[in-house]
Protein backbone atom coordinates (compact mmCIF):
# COMPACT_ATOMS: atom_id res chain seq x y z
CA MET A 1 65.02 -29.75 -32.36
CA SER A 2 61.83 -29.96 -30.33
CA LYS A 3 58.80 -27.99 -31.14
CA LYS A 4 57.18 -26.01 -28.37
CA LYS A 5 53.44 -26.20 -28.18
CA VAL A 6 51.85 -22.79 -28.56
CA ARG A 7 48.77 -22.48 -26.46
CA ASN A 8 46.08 -20.23 -27.90
CA GLY A 9 42.67 -19.83 -26.20
CA PHE A 10 41.08 -21.78 -23.37
CA THR A 11 40.53 -25.45 -22.86
CA TYR A 12 37.05 -26.90 -22.65
CA ILE A 13 37.37 -27.50 -18.91
CA GLU A 14 38.40 -23.89 -18.27
CA VAL A 15 35.35 -22.63 -20.18
CA VAL A 16 32.98 -24.95 -18.26
CA ILE A 17 34.41 -23.90 -14.90
CA SER A 18 34.17 -20.21 -15.85
CA VAL A 19 30.50 -20.60 -16.89
CA LEU A 20 29.68 -22.42 -13.64
CA LEU A 21 31.35 -19.75 -11.53
CA LEU A 22 29.56 -17.02 -13.47
CA GLY A 23 26.24 -18.84 -12.91
CA VAL A 24 26.86 -19.13 -9.19
CA VAL A 25 27.40 -15.37 -9.03
CA LEU A 26 24.62 -14.24 -11.39
CA ILE A 27 21.70 -16.39 -10.16
CA PRO A 28 21.53 -14.75 -6.69
CA LEU A 29 21.90 -11.36 -8.36
CA PHE A 30 18.88 -12.03 -10.59
CA GLU A 31 16.87 -13.22 -7.56
CA LEU A 32 17.73 -9.98 -5.80
CA LEU A 33 16.54 -7.95 -8.78
CA VAL A 34 13.25 -9.87 -8.95
CA ARG A 35 12.63 -9.44 -5.20
CA SER A 36 13.35 -5.72 -5.33
CA ASN A 37 10.91 -5.34 -8.23
CA VAL A 38 8.18 -7.19 -6.27
CA GLN A 39 8.79 -4.98 -3.23
CA ALA A 40 8.58 -1.85 -5.37
CA VAL A 41 5.20 -2.97 -6.73
CA GLU A 42 3.96 -3.74 -3.20
CA ALA A 43 5.10 -0.30 -1.99
CA GLU A 44 3.27 1.35 -4.88
CA GLN A 45 0.07 -0.55 -4.09
CA SER A 46 0.32 0.33 -0.40
CA THR A 47 0.89 4.00 -1.20
CA THR A 48 -2.07 4.02 -3.59
CA ALA A 49 -4.29 2.44 -0.91
CA LEU A 50 -3.19 5.04 1.62
CA TYR A 51 -3.89 7.85 -0.85
CA LEU A 52 -7.37 6.43 -1.58
CA ALA A 53 -8.17 6.17 2.15
CA GLN A 54 -7.01 9.76 2.72
CA SER A 55 -9.09 11.10 -0.16
CA LYS A 56 -12.18 9.23 1.10
CA LEU A 57 -11.67 10.72 4.59
CA GLU A 58 -11.42 14.18 3.03
CA GLN A 59 -14.76 13.56 1.31
CA TYR A 60 -16.29 12.74 4.69
CA TYR A 61 -14.66 15.79 6.24
CA ASN A 62 -16.57 17.95 3.74
CA THR A 63 -19.84 16.01 4.12
CA PRO A 64 -22.54 17.47 6.39
CA PHE A 65 -22.68 15.73 9.76
CA GLY A 66 -26.16 14.28 9.29
CA GLU A 67 -25.28 12.68 5.95
CA ILE A 68 -22.35 10.62 7.25
CA ASN A 69 -23.21 6.92 7.25
CA SER A 70 -21.39 3.58 7.11
CA VAL A 71 -20.71 2.03 3.71
CA ASN A 72 -20.37 -1.69 3.06
CA LYS A 73 -17.37 -2.97 1.13
CA GLN A 74 -17.43 -1.80 -2.49
CA THR A 75 -15.00 -1.23 -5.34
CA TYR A 76 -13.47 2.17 -6.01
CA PRO A 77 -14.66 3.57 -9.31
CA ASN A 78 -11.81 3.72 -11.86
CA LYS A 79 -9.50 1.82 -9.47
CA PRO A 80 -9.86 -1.92 -10.11
CA GLY A 81 -8.27 -4.05 -7.42
CA TYR A 82 -9.05 -1.57 -4.63
CA ASP A 83 -12.15 -1.88 -2.43
CA TYR A 84 -13.20 0.23 0.53
CA ALA A 85 -15.59 0.18 3.45
CA VAL A 86 -16.53 2.93 5.88
CA THR A 87 -17.61 2.39 9.48
CA VAL A 88 -19.21 5.16 11.49
CA LYS A 89 -19.66 5.06 15.27
CA GLU A 90 -21.68 7.76 17.00
CA THR A 91 -21.00 9.02 20.50
CA ALA A 92 -22.61 11.78 22.54
CA HIS A 93 -20.56 14.41 24.36
CA ALA A 94 -21.33 15.84 27.79
CA ARG A 95 -21.80 19.35 26.35
CA GLY A 96 -24.65 18.15 24.18
CA TYR A 97 -23.02 17.74 20.81
CA GLN A 98 -22.46 14.46 18.99
CA ALA A 99 -19.30 13.00 17.53
CA LYS A 100 -18.84 10.43 14.80
CA THR A 101 -15.74 8.28 14.54
CA ILE A 102 -15.22 7.55 10.86
CA THR A 103 -12.90 4.73 9.78
CA VAL A 104 -12.08 4.13 6.13
CA ILE A 105 -10.61 0.73 5.28
CA VAL A 106 -9.07 0.19 1.85
CA TYR A 107 -8.56 -3.41 0.71
CA TYR A 108 -6.14 -4.44 -2.02
CA LEU A 109 -4.43 -7.61 -3.24
CA VAL A 110 -0.72 -8.32 -3.11
CA GLY A 111 -0.38 -11.50 -5.11
CA ARG A 112 -3.18 -13.63 -3.68
CA VAL A 113 -3.12 -12.08 -0.21
CA GLU A 114 -5.62 -9.35 0.69
CA ARG A 115 -4.07 -6.45 2.57
CA GLN A 116 -5.71 -3.40 4.07
CA VAL A 117 -4.99 0.15 5.09
CA SER A 118 -7.23 2.05 7.49
CA LEU A 119 -7.47 5.67 8.56
CA THR A 120 -9.72 7.13 11.26
CA MET A 121 -10.98 10.61 12.10
CA GLU A 122 -13.61 12.19 14.32
CA LYS A 123 -16.19 14.70 13.23
CA THR A 124 -18.62 16.59 15.45
CA ASN A 125 -21.78 18.58 14.95
CA ARG A 126 -20.49 21.09 17.46
CA ASP A 127 -20.97 24.73 16.67
CA VAL A 128 -17.80 26.54 17.75
CA LYS A 129 -19.48 29.98 17.94
CA ALA A 130 -22.25 28.61 20.17
CA ASP A 131 -19.62 27.03 22.46
CA GLN A 132 -17.76 30.35 22.77
CA GLN A 133 -20.96 32.23 23.63
CA ALA A 134 -21.91 29.66 26.28
CA GLU A 135 -18.63 30.09 28.14
């Protein structure tokens, strides 16, 4: 009478092939997860820079016209890694009032690359009531 071999478990070759196939599938998946995490951090930094530029423009919106001046690049207080600069260009209008074009540029680092976000607005010293009376 011949004995039949009972096969329990996997052979060494089957285990090695399974691990290799699993590695081929999982490595790209891990790379995808790492890339998505990096992109999420970059999006957060960009959103923070945009928020900082908007808040700086709002400060200038509430600043009296004569006190608006350019600012050289400097670091935001309580926001390490974010710098800003403000440029102000004056123009005169035909009706006699002046306008200032205010541009806020926020600089921040993504890895070792410096990126920037800029927002611009115009502010005038025009008196609306005086304009209405003149017409």
